[in-house]
Amino acid sequence: MRKAGGRLALFGGLYGVVAAIITLIVLGGLGSSASVDPKGVLLGWVGLGLSLMISILGAATIRTSSQGPVFLLLLCALTGAVISETLVSLCMAGAFFSGLLATRGRVSIPLPSFDEEGSLPVSPVVID
């Protein structure tokens, strides 16, 4: 569940980047200078930054064993869903639900095995 949530957050963040670029083009931040909406341009840049953060945190969620990146992912997704424009908000909602999915998962870390005496741990990988 943890890896699936991290991958879905990674893809949700990448789709959010595309949605933020579309928002910037449509609202005039990158396309024209005649009818520029300053609030829309600011929201587009905020959506772009939060989408990049969600992509990074989704990749970090896949492998780490701590809950820190998951909660930061949830915070960024909730902030982006409330603040950003409509296209980015849809991607942020998907990233929020993938963060909820990642909170229920565990990362499997192999435990070291012990030798015959039981005193020294032995690596699970055999080196010739």
N, C-alpha and C. Protein backbone atom coordinates (compact mmCIF):
# COMPACT_ATOMS: atom_id res chain seq x y z
N MET A 1 0.82 -1.19 0.00
CA MET A 1 0.00 0.00 0.00
C MET A 1 0.87 1.26 0.00
N ARG A 2 1.99 1.18 0.68
CA ARG A 2 2.87 2.34 0.77
C ARG A 2 3.47 2.67 -0.59
N LYS A 3 3.94 1.63 -1.29
CA LYS A 3 4.54 1.86 -2.61
C LYS A 3 3.50 2.32 -3.62
N ALA A 4 2.32 1.75 -3.56
CA ALA A 4 1.25 2.16 -4.48
C ALA A 4 0.85 3.60 -4.23
N GLY A 5 0.74 3.99 -2.97
CA GLY A 5 0.42 5.38 -2.65
C GLY A 5 1.50 6.34 -3.11
N GLY A 6 2.76 5.95 -2.93
CA GLY A 6 3.87 6.79 -3.40
C GLY A 6 3.90 6.94 -4.90
N ARG A 7 3.64 5.84 -5.61
CA ARG A 7 3.62 5.92 -7.08
C ARG A 7 2.46 6.75 -7.58
N LEU A 8 1.31 6.58 -6.98
CA LEU A 8 0.15 7.40 -7.39
C LEU A 8 0.39 8.87 -7.09
N ALA A 9 1.04 9.18 -5.97
CA ALA A 9 1.37 10.58 -5.66
C ALA A 9 2.39 11.12 -6.64
N LEU A 10 3.35 10.30 -7.03
CA LEU A 10 4.34 10.72 -8.02
C LEU A 10 3.66 11.07 -9.34
N PHE A 11 2.78 10.21 -9.82
CA PHE A 11 2.08 10.49 -11.07
C PHE A 11 1.09 11.64 -10.93
N GLY A 12 0.45 11.76 -9.76
CA GLY A 12 -0.45 12.89 -9.53
C GLY A 12 0.31 14.21 -9.55
N GLY A 13 1.52 14.21 -9.00
CA GLY A 13 2.34 15.42 -9.04
C GLY A 13 2.79 15.76 -10.46
N LEU A 14 3.12 14.74 -11.25
CA LEU A 14 3.51 15.01 -12.63
C LEU A 14 2.34 15.53 -13.46
N TYR A 15 1.15 14.97 -13.25
CA TYR A 15 -0.03 15.51 -13.92
C TYR A 15 -0.34 16.92 -13.43
N GLY A 16 -0.06 17.19 -12.16
CA GLY A 16 -0.24 18.53 -11.62
C GLY A 16 0.70 19.54 -12.26
N VAL A 17 1.92 19.11 -12.57
CA VAL A 17 2.87 20.00 -13.27
C VAL A 17 2.31 20.37 -14.64
N VAL A 18 1.80 19.37 -15.35
CA VAL A 18 1.21 19.64 -16.68
C VAL A 18 0.01 20.57 -16.54
N ALA A 19 -0.84 20.33 -15.54
CA ALA A 19 -2.01 21.17 -15.32
C ALA A 19 -1.62 22.59 -14.95
N ALA A 20 -0.56 22.75 -14.17
CA ALA A 20 -0.10 24.09 -13.79
C ALA A 20 0.46 24.84 -15.00
N ILE A 21 1.15 24.14 -15.87
CA ILE A 21 1.67 24.78 -17.09
C ILE A 21 0.51 25.20 -17.99
N ILE A 22 -0.50 24.37 -18.10
CA ILE A 22 -1.69 24.74 -18.89
C ILE A 22 -2.37 25.95 -18.26
N THR A 23 -2.45 25.99 -16.93
CA THR A 23 -3.04 27.14 -16.24
C THR A 23 -2.25 28.40 -16.52
N LEU A 24 -0.94 28.31 -16.51
CA LEU A 24 -0.12 29.48 -16.79
C LEU A 24 -0.29 29.96 -18.23
N ILE A 25 -0.41 29.04 -19.16
CA ILE A 25 -0.58 29.43 -20.57
C ILE A 25 -1.95 30.05 -20.80
N VAL A 26 -2.99 29.45 -20.25
CA VAL A 26 -4.35 29.93 -20.48
C VAL A 26 -4.58 31.29 -19.82
N LEU A 27 -4.09 31.47 -18.61
CA LEU A 27 -4.34 32.72 -17.90
C LEU A 27 -3.40 33.85 -18.31
N GLY A 28 -2.55 33.62 -19.27
CA GLY A 28 -1.76 34.69 -19.84
C GLY A 28 -0.40 34.90 -19.24
N GLY A 29 0.02 34.08 -18.34
CA GLY A 29 1.33 34.27 -17.73
C GLY A 29 2.47 33.99 -18.69
N LEU A 30 2.29 33.05 -19.59
CA LEU A 30 3.34 32.71 -20.54
C LEU A 30 2.97 33.03 -21.98
N GLY A 31 1.66 33.17 -22.26
CA GLY A 31 1.22 33.32 -23.64
C GLY A 31 1.19 34.74 -24.15
N SER A 32 0.54 35.65 -23.44
CA SER A 32 0.39 37.01 -23.94
C SER A 32 0.59 38.00 -22.81
N SER A 33 0.77 39.24 -23.20
CA SER A 33 0.93 40.29 -22.19
C SER A 33 -0.25 41.24 -22.16
N ALA A 34 -1.23 41.04 -23.04
CA ALA A 34 -2.37 41.97 -23.13
C ALA A 34 -3.35 41.77 -21.97
N SER A 35 -3.74 40.54 -21.71
CA SER A 35 -4.74 40.30 -20.67
C SER A 35 -4.18 39.34 -19.62
N VAL A 36 -3.28 39.86 -18.83
CA VAL A 36 -2.64 39.05 -17.80
C VAL A 36 -3.42 39.20 -16.50
N ASP A 37 -3.82 38.08 -15.92
CA ASP A 37 -4.49 38.08 -14.63
C ASP A 37 -3.43 37.78 -13.57
N PRO A 38 -3.03 38.77 -12.77
CA PRO A 38 -1.93 38.53 -11.82
C PRO A 38 -2.26 37.45 -10.79
N LYS A 39 -3.51 37.40 -10.34
CA LYS A 39 -3.89 36.38 -9.37
C LYS A 39 -3.81 34.99 -10.00
N GLY A 40 -4.26 34.85 -11.24
CA GLY A 40 -4.19 33.56 -11.93
C GLY A 40 -2.76 33.11 -12.18
N VAL A 41 -1.89 34.06 -12.50
CA VAL A 41 -0.49 33.72 -12.72
C VAL A 41 0.15 33.27 -11.41
N LEU A 42 -0.15 33.96 -10.32
CA LEU A 42 0.38 33.57 -9.02
C LEU A 42 -0.11 32.18 -8.62
N LEU A 43 -1.39 31.92 -8.84
CA LEU A 43 -1.93 30.60 -8.51
C LEU A 43 -1.32 29.51 -9.40
N GLY A 44 -1.02 29.84 -10.64
CA GLY A 44 -0.36 28.88 -11.52
C GLY A 44 1.03 28.52 -11.04
N TRP A 45 1.79 29.53 -10.60
CA TRP A 45 3.14 29.25 -10.10
C TRP A 45 3.10 28.50 -8.77
N VAL A 46 2.14 28.83 -7.92
CA VAL A 46 1.99 28.10 -6.65
C VAL A 46 1.62 26.64 -6.94
N GLY A 47 0.73 26.42 -7.89
CA GLY A 47 0.35 25.06 -8.27
C GLY A 47 1.52 24.29 -8.85
N LEU A 48 2.37 24.98 -9.62
CA LEU A 48 3.55 24.32 -10.18
C LEU A 48 4.53 23.92 -9.07
N GLY A 49 4.76 24.81 -8.13
CA GLY A 49 5.67 24.48 -7.03
C GLY A 49 5.15 23.35 -6.16
N LEU A 50 3.86 23.39 -5.84
CA LEU A 50 3.29 22.33 -5.01
C LEU A 50 3.26 20.99 -5.75
N SER A 51 3.05 21.02 -7.05
CA SER A 51 3.06 19.78 -7.82
C SER A 51 4.45 19.16 -7.85
N LEU A 52 5.46 20.00 -7.98
CA LEU A 52 6.83 19.49 -7.93
C LEU A 52 7.15 18.91 -6.54
N MET A 53 6.69 19.59 -5.49
CA MET A 53 6.90 19.07 -4.14
C MET A 53 6.20 17.73 -3.94
N ILE A 54 5.00 17.59 -4.50
CA ILE A 54 4.27 16.33 -4.36
C ILE A 54 4.98 15.22 -5.12
N SER A 55 5.55 15.52 -6.28
CA SER A 55 6.31 14.51 -7.01
C SER A 55 7.53 14.05 -6.21
N ILE A 56 8.23 14.99 -5.61
CA ILE A 56 9.42 14.65 -4.82
C ILE A 56 9.02 13.85 -3.58
N LEU A 57 7.97 14.30 -2.90
CA LEU A 57 7.54 13.59 -1.69
C LEU A 57 6.94 12.22 -2.01
N GLY A 58 6.30 12.08 -3.17
CA GLY A 58 5.80 10.77 -3.58
C GLY A 58 6.94 9.80 -3.82
N ALA A 59 8.02 10.29 -4.43
CA ALA A 59 9.18 9.42 -4.64
C ALA A 59 9.85 9.07 -3.31
N ALA A 60 9.87 10.01 -2.38
CA ALA A 60 10.46 9.74 -1.07
C ALA A 60 9.60 8.79 -0.24
N THR A 61 8.30 8.85 -0.45
CA THR A 61 7.38 8.00 0.31
C THR A 61 7.55 6.53 -0.05
N ILE A 62 7.94 6.25 -1.27
CA ILE A 62 8.05 4.87 -1.73
C ILE A 62 9.05 4.09 -0.89
N ARG A 63 10.16 4.70 -0.51
CA ARG A 63 11.24 3.94 0.10
C ARG A 63 11.48 4.20 1.58
N THR A 64 11.08 5.34 2.10
CA THR A 64 11.40 5.62 3.49
C THR A 64 10.48 4.86 4.43
N SER A 65 10.96 4.65 5.64
CA SER A 65 10.15 3.95 6.63
C SER A 65 9.45 4.92 7.58
N SER A 66 9.79 6.21 7.52
CA SER A 66 9.17 7.17 8.43
C SER A 66 7.88 7.72 7.82
N GLN A 67 7.06 8.30 8.66
CA GLN A 67 5.78 8.87 8.21
C GLN A 67 5.91 10.34 7.85
N GLY A 68 7.08 10.94 8.01
CA GLY A 68 7.27 12.36 7.74
C GLY A 68 6.93 12.77 6.31
N PRO A 69 7.51 12.10 5.30
CA PRO A 69 7.17 12.48 3.92
C PRO A 69 5.70 12.28 3.58
N VAL A 70 5.06 11.31 4.21
CA VAL A 70 3.64 11.06 3.94
C VAL A 70 2.79 12.23 4.45
N PHE A 71 3.10 12.70 5.65
CA PHE A 71 2.32 13.80 6.19
C PHE A 71 2.61 15.11 5.47
N LEU A 72 3.85 15.32 5.03
CA LEU A 72 4.15 16.49 4.20
C LEU A 72 3.43 16.41 2.86
N LEU A 73 3.34 15.21 2.32
CA LEU A 73 2.60 14.99 1.08
C LEU A 73 1.13 15.35 1.25
N LEU A 74 0.54 14.90 2.35
CA LEU A 74 -0.85 15.23 2.62
C LEU A 74 -1.05 16.73 2.81
N LEU A 75 -0.11 17.38 3.49
CA LEU A 75 -0.21 18.82 3.71
C LEU A 75 -0.10 19.60 2.40
N CYS A 76 0.86 19.23 1.55
CA CYS A 76 1.02 19.90 0.26
C CYS A 76 -0.18 19.66 -0.65
N ALA A 77 -0.71 18.45 -0.64
CA ALA A 77 -1.86 18.14 -1.49
C ALA A 77 -3.10 18.90 -1.03
N LEU A 78 -3.30 18.98 0.26
CA LEU A 78 -4.46 19.72 0.77
C LEU A 78 -4.32 21.21 0.51
N THR A 79 -3.12 21.74 0.68
CA THR A 79 -2.88 23.15 0.39
C THR A 79 -3.09 23.45 -1.09
N GLY A 80 -2.57 22.59 -1.94
CA GLY A 80 -2.74 22.79 -3.38
C GLY A 80 -4.17 22.65 -3.83
N ALA A 81 -4.93 21.76 -3.21
CA ALA A 81 -6.34 21.60 -3.59
C ALA A 81 -7.16 22.82 -3.20
N VAL A 82 -6.80 23.46 -2.10
CA VAL A 82 -7.56 24.63 -1.65
C VAL A 82 -7.13 25.89 -2.40
N ILE A 83 -5.83 26.07 -2.62
CA ILE A 83 -5.32 27.33 -3.17
C ILE A 83 -5.35 27.37 -4.70
N SER A 84 -5.03 26.29 -5.38
CA SER A 84 -4.76 26.32 -6.82
C SER A 84 -6.02 26.42 -7.65
N GLU A 85 -5.80 26.52 -8.96
CA GLU A 85 -6.88 26.56 -9.92
C GLU A 85 -7.51 25.17 -10.08
N THR A 86 -8.54 25.07 -10.92
CA THR A 86 -9.36 23.87 -11.00
C THR A 86 -8.59 22.65 -11.50
N LEU A 87 -7.81 22.81 -12.56
CA LEU A 87 -7.08 21.65 -13.11
C LEU A 87 -6.07 21.11 -12.10
N VAL A 88 -5.36 22.00 -11.46
CA VAL A 88 -4.36 21.57 -10.49
C VAL A 88 -5.05 20.98 -9.26
N SER A 89 -6.21 21.52 -8.89
CA SER A 89 -6.94 21.02 -7.72
C SER A 89 -7.38 19.58 -7.91
N LEU A 90 -7.75 19.23 -9.12
CA LEU A 90 -8.13 17.83 -9.39
C LEU A 90 -6.95 16.89 -9.20
N CYS A 91 -5.78 17.30 -9.67
CA CYS A 91 -4.58 16.47 -9.48
C CYS A 91 -4.19 16.41 -8.01
N MET A 92 -4.38 17.51 -7.30
CA MET A 92 -4.05 17.52 -5.88
C MET A 92 -5.01 16.63 -5.07
N ALA A 93 -6.25 16.56 -5.49
CA ALA A 93 -7.20 15.67 -4.81
C ALA A 93 -6.76 14.21 -4.98
N GLY A 94 -6.31 13.87 -6.18
CA GLY A 94 -5.79 12.51 -6.40
C GLY A 94 -4.54 12.25 -5.57
N ALA A 95 -3.67 13.24 -5.46
CA ALA A 95 -2.47 13.08 -4.65
C ALA A 95 -2.82 12.97 -3.16
N PHE A 96 -3.87 13.67 -2.73
CA PHE A 96 -4.29 13.57 -1.33
C PHE A 96 -4.79 12.16 -1.02
N PHE A 97 -5.59 11.59 -1.90
CA PHE A 97 -6.08 10.24 -1.66
C PHE A 97 -4.96 9.20 -1.74
N SER A 98 -3.97 9.45 -2.59
CA SER A 98 -2.83 8.53 -2.62
C SER A 98 -1.99 8.66 -1.35
N GLY A 99 -1.93 9.86 -0.77
CA GLY A 99 -1.25 10.03 0.51
C GLY A 99 -1.98 9.30 1.63
N LEU A 100 -3.31 9.33 1.58
CA LEU A 100 -4.08 8.55 2.56
C LEU A 100 -3.82 7.06 2.40
N LEU A 101 -3.66 6.63 1.16
CA LEU A 101 -3.34 5.23 0.89
C LEU A 101 -1.96 4.88 1.44
N ALA A 102 -1.03 5.82 1.34
CA ALA A 102 0.34 5.56 1.79
C ALA A 102 0.45 5.55 3.31
N THR A 103 -0.47 6.19 4.01
CA THR A 103 -0.39 6.16 5.47
C THR A 103 -0.67 4.77 6.03
N ARG A 104 -1.40 3.96 5.30
CA ARG A 104 -1.77 2.63 5.77
C ARG A 104 -0.71 1.58 5.43
N GLY A 105 0.28 1.93 4.67
CA GLY A 105 1.25 0.93 4.22
C GLY A 105 2.48 0.86 5.11
N ARG A 106 3.26 -0.18 4.88
CA ARG A 106 4.51 -0.40 5.58
C ARG A 106 5.61 -0.63 4.56
N VAL A 107 6.82 -0.31 4.94
CA VAL A 107 7.98 -0.60 4.11
C VAL A 107 8.65 -1.83 4.69
N SER A 108 8.84 -2.84 3.86
CA SER A 108 9.46 -4.06 4.37
C SER A 108 10.98 -3.93 4.30
N ILE A 109 11.60 -3.97 5.45
CA ILE A 109 13.05 -3.90 5.56
C ILE A 109 13.52 -5.25 6.08
N PRO A 110 14.42 -5.91 5.36
CA PRO A 110 14.84 -7.25 5.81
C PRO A 110 15.59 -7.18 7.14
N LEU A 111 15.26 -8.09 8.04
CA LEU A 111 15.93 -8.17 9.32
C LEU A 111 17.21 -8.99 9.19
N PRO A 112 18.26 -8.61 9.93
CA PRO A 112 19.50 -9.38 9.83
C PRO A 112 19.33 -10.73 10.53
N SER A 113 19.96 -11.74 9.97
CA SER A 113 19.96 -13.05 10.61
C SER A 113 21.23 -13.19 11.45
N PHE A 114 21.20 -14.11 12.40
CA PHE A 114 22.34 -14.28 13.31
C PHE A 114 23.06 -15.58 13.00
N ASP A 115 24.36 -15.61 13.32
CA ASP A 115 25.13 -16.83 13.09
C ASP A 115 24.85 -17.84 14.20
N GLU A 116 25.60 -18.94 14.22
CA GLU A 116 25.33 -20.04 15.14
C GLU A 116 25.46 -19.63 16.60
N GLU A 117 26.42 -18.79 16.92
CA GLU A 117 26.61 -18.38 18.31
C GLU A 117 25.52 -17.41 18.75
N GLY A 118 24.88 -16.76 17.82
CA GLY A 118 23.84 -15.80 18.17
C GLY A 118 24.38 -14.47 18.61
N SER A 119 25.66 -14.20 18.33
CA SER A 119 26.24 -12.96 18.82
C SER A 119 26.40 -11.90 17.71
N LEU A 120 26.72 -12.34 16.51
CA LEU A 120 26.99 -11.38 15.44
C LEU A 120 25.94 -11.51 14.34
N PRO A 121 25.40 -10.40 13.89
CA PRO A 121 24.46 -10.49 12.76
C PRO A 121 25.20 -10.81 11.47
N VAL A 122 24.54 -11.58 10.64
CA VAL A 122 25.10 -11.97 9.34
C VAL A 122 24.26 -11.34 8.26
N SER A 123 24.92 -10.84 7.25
CA SER A 123 24.22 -10.21 6.13
C SER A 123 23.42 -11.25 5.35
N PRO A 124 22.20 -10.88 4.89
CA PRO A 124 21.42 -11.84 4.11
C PRO A 124 22.01 -12.09 2.72
N VAL A 125 22.97 -11.26 2.30
CA VAL A 125 23.59 -11.39 0.98
C VAL A 125 24.89 -12.17 1.17
N VAL A 126 25.06 -13.22 0.39
CA VAL A 126 26.27 -14.03 0.47
C VAL A 126 27.31 -13.46 -0.48
N ILE A 127 28.51 -13.17 0.06
CA ILE A 127 29.59 -12.62 -0.75
C ILE A 127 30.63 -13.71 -0.92
N ASP A 128 30.97 -14.01 -2.17
CA ASP A 128 31.97 -15.05 -2.46
C ASP A 128 33.36 -14.49 -2.39
